[in-house]
Amino acid sequence: MIKGIERVTPMLGFKLRGVRVALHAVRRDSPPGIASIHYELVIDTDETDQRLELLHKNVRKYGTISNTVAAATVLEGTIRREA
């Protein structure tokens, strides 16, 4: 996801100072695998809430890894501004 953010920020003209990603995965025992993944993207930026959501949409839509994981399990998450 960080790589996806690095890739789309220049295209969107999105300015940021830092990114943090927190993940929580739920493991399934039978059959073994990941049942779901929840993530939180924390962005240090002065961009508007609308631009923050645009960044999230682009990362989800065009992120190769995000799309691959989402095809195999439940992938849900949020984006928020660094406090």
Protein backbone atom coordinates (compact mmCIF):
# COMPACT_ATOMS: atom_id res chain seq x y z
CA MET A 1 0.00 0.00 0.00
CA ILE A 2 2.86 2.36 0.74
CA LYS A 3 4.32 1.66 -2.69
CA GLY A 4 0.90 2.37 -4.23
CA ILE A 5 0.75 5.68 -2.38
CA GLU A 6 4.24 6.54 -3.62
CA ARG A 7 3.10 5.78 -7.16
CA VAL A 8 -0.20 7.73 -7.21
CA THR A 9 0.74 10.86 -5.22
CA PRO A 10 2.69 12.46 -8.11
CA MET A 11 -0.17 11.73 -10.53
CA LEU A 12 -2.68 13.34 -8.15
CA GLY A 13 -0.35 16.17 -7.14
CA PHE A 14 -0.95 15.03 -3.56
CA LYS A 15 1.44 16.45 -0.95
CA LEU A 16 2.27 14.48 2.19
CA ARG A 17 4.94 14.34 4.85
CA GLY A 18 4.57 10.73 5.92
CA VAL A 19 2.53 7.53 5.78
CA ARG A 20 1.83 4.81 8.32
CA VAL A 21 -0.06 1.56 7.74
CA ALA A 22 -1.52 -0.59 10.51
CA LEU A 23 -2.81 -4.08 9.65
CA HIS A 24 -4.92 -6.59 11.53
CA ALA A 25 -5.40 -10.01 9.96
CA VAL A 26 -7.71 -12.81 11.09
CA ARG A 27 -6.37 -16.31 10.48
CA ARG A 28 -8.63 -19.19 9.59
CA ASP A 29 -7.63 -22.66 10.84
CA SER A 30 -9.62 -24.87 8.49
CA PRO A 31 -8.75 -24.57 5.73
CA PRO A 32 -5.63 -22.64 6.72
CA GLY A 33 -5.58 -19.12 5.40
CA ILE A 34 -6.29 -15.48 6.06
CA ALA A 35 -10.01 -14.89 6.63
CA SER A 36 -9.81 -11.10 6.54
CA ILE A 37 -7.50 -8.13 6.73
CA HIS A 38 -8.38 -4.73 8.11
CA TYR A 39 -6.01 -1.82 7.54
CA GLU A 40 -5.71 1.80 8.59
CA LEU A 41 -3.76 4.27 6.48
CA VAL A 42 -2.57 7.28 8.46
CA ILE A 43 -1.39 10.15 6.28
CA ASP A 44 0.48 13.23 7.50
CA THR A 45 -0.86 15.87 5.12
CA ASP A 46 -2.57 19.24 4.83
CA GLU A 47 -4.71 18.07 1.88
CA THR A 48 -8.51 18.26 2.16
CA ASP A 49 -10.68 15.36 3.31
CA GLN A 50 -11.94 14.97 -0.27
CA ARG A 51 -8.37 14.65 -1.56
CA LEU A 52 -7.58 12.17 1.21
CA GLU A 53 -10.52 10.01 0.08
CA LEU A 54 -9.37 10.36 -3.54
CA LEU A 55 -5.96 9.01 -2.53
CA HIS A 56 -7.60 6.07 -0.75
CA LYS A 57 -9.81 5.31 -3.76
CA ASN A 58 -6.82 5.33 -6.13
CA VAL A 59 -4.69 3.13 -3.87
CA ARG A 60 -7.52 0.57 -3.62
CA LYS A 61 -8.42 0.71 -7.31
CA TYR A 62 -4.94 0.63 -8.85
CA GLY A 63 -2.80 -1.06 -6.19
CA THR A 64 -1.59 -4.38 -7.59
CA ILE A 65 -1.06 -5.95 -4.18
CA SER A 66 -4.33 -4.57 -2.78
CA ASN A 67 -6.24 -6.00 -5.72
CA THR A 68 -4.50 -9.37 -5.44
CA VAL A 69 -5.20 -9.64 -1.71
CA ALA A 70 -8.80 -8.39 -2.11
CA ALA A 71 -9.43 -11.14 -4.67
CA ALA A 72 -8.36 -13.79 -2.13
CA THR A 73 -9.84 -12.50 1.14
CA VAL A 74 -11.89 -9.72 2.69
CA LEU A 75 -9.83 -6.54 2.59
CA GLU A 76 -11.34 -3.52 4.35
CA GLY A 77 -9.80 -0.35 5.62
CA THR A 78 -9.86 3.29 6.37
CA ILE A 79 -7.74 6.32 5.73
CA ARG A 80 -7.28 9.20 8.14
CA ARG A 81 -5.17 12.23 8.69
CA GLU A 82 -2.30 12.12 11.21
CA ALA A 83 -3.50 13.82 14.40
